[in-house]
Amino acid sequence: MVMSLELKNKIEKARHNLHKLVERNKGGLGHPDVIRQSMALDELINEYNRISRTQTRT
């Protein structure tokens, strides 16, 4: 099974959105919107890692 291109695209989009939010908030990493986006990105990366681990075991 190949890693989902859709998931990779979601990760890249979330990463880009996080970067834009940090810029918009003048580097304010503690801003609620930045934290929320960072958590969403973390979840996508965790999902990617779970799938990756499963694929390497088979």
Protein backbone atom coordinates (compact mmCIF):
# COMPACT_ATOMS: atom_id res chain seq x y z
CA MET A 1 0.00 0.00 0.00
CA VAL A 2 1.41 3.37 -1.01
CA MET A 3 1.15 6.38 1.32
CA SER A 4 -1.90 8.37 0.40
CA LEU A 5 -1.11 11.36 -1.79
CA GLU A 6 -4.20 13.00 -0.32
CA LEU A 7 -2.77 12.73 3.20
CA LYS A 8 0.57 14.15 2.07
CA ASN A 9 -1.26 17.05 0.44
CA LYS A 10 -3.27 17.67 3.62
CA ILE A 11 -0.04 17.77 5.64
CA GLU A 12 1.55 20.21 3.23
CA LYS A 13 -1.52 22.45 3.23
CA ALA A 14 -1.69 22.41 7.05
CA ARG A 15 2.02 23.23 7.25
CA HIS A 16 1.57 26.13 4.85
CA ASN A 17 -1.44 27.43 6.80
CA LEU A 18 0.56 27.24 10.04
CA HIS A 19 3.39 29.23 8.49
CA LYS A 20 0.92 31.91 7.29
CA LEU A 21 -0.69 32.14 10.73
CA VAL A 22 2.68 32.61 12.43
CA GLU A 23 3.54 35.39 9.97
CA ARG A 24 0.15 37.02 10.40
CA ASN A 25 0.56 36.99 14.18
CA LYS A 26 4.09 38.42 13.98
CA GLY A 27 5.77 35.22 15.14
CA GLY A 28 3.35 34.79 18.03
CA LEU A 29 3.57 31.04 18.58
CA GLY A 30 1.26 31.28 21.58
CA HIS A 31 -1.66 32.73 19.62
CA PRO A 32 -4.72 30.45 19.89
CA ASP A 33 -5.09 30.15 16.11
CA VAL A 34 -1.44 29.12 15.75
CA ILE A 35 -1.75 26.54 18.51
CA ARG A 36 -4.95 25.15 17.00
CA GLN A 37 -3.35 24.83 13.55
CA SER A 38 -0.22 23.29 15.05
CA MET A 39 -2.34 20.65 16.79
CA ALA A 40 -4.17 19.89 13.53
CA LEU A 41 -0.83 19.46 11.76
CA ASP A 42 0.39 17.20 14.57
CA GLU A 43 -2.63 14.96 14.12
CA LEU A 44 -2.01 14.63 10.39
CA ILE A 45 1.66 13.83 10.97
CA ASN A 46 0.71 11.24 13.60
CA GLU A 47 -1.68 9.63 11.14
CA TYR A 48 1.07 9.58 8.49
CA ASN A 49 3.46 7.93 10.96
CA ARG A 50 0.88 5.31 11.99
CA ILE A 51 0.27 4.38 8.36
CA SER A 52 3.99 4.37 7.62
CA ARG A 53 4.72 2.07 10.57
CA THR A 54 1.95 -0.30 9.53
CA GLN A 55 3.25 -0.47 5.97
CA THR A 56 6.80 -1.28 7.04
CA ARG A 57 5.61 -4.18 9.21
CA THR A 58 3.89 -5.95 6.33
